[in-house]
Amino acid sequence: MSKNWKFVKETDMLFEKAFGRDHYWHYHPDGAENAESYMVKVVVPEGAGHDFHRHPKMHEILYILKGKAEQWIEDEMQILEIGDSVYIDADVVHATFNGGEGELEFLAILSPPAGWGAGTLDVSNEEPYSGYRSK
């Protein structure tokens, strides 16, 4: 039986402010050794978002906790609300914007850990993504 587990209390989460968003890491590469996935709660202020990007070596699942997300996957957009989710395969361009009033909160689960080093690549200034929505 595997003995790899970790409890994380709210007061023990790693906090990161990134590009105007608050990240509350439950499981992050720096604190979850041997984890098979990472999880972060993201808080996006009204009018903000995470512009078009891709994770070359990691897939992602987003789960909406609060507010409305204007969720883009390549050239398709849907509004996601509390309880909605989306799976995004590795290297697929996507963007998440706060599509409502107040804060947007969602959980992002990223996997596999080996893909972390490939990073997040911003493509928001590239065609066709730069033309999908007015900035």
Foldseek 3Di string as FASTA:
>chain_A
DDPFDDAADQVRFDWDQDPQKIKTWRADPVPRPPDQKTKIKIKHFAPFWFAKKFQQQKKKKKAWQAAWKQKDWALDTDIDHHGDMDIGGHPTIMMIHRPGHGMTIIMMMMGGPVSVVSDMGDCCVPPPNVPNDDD
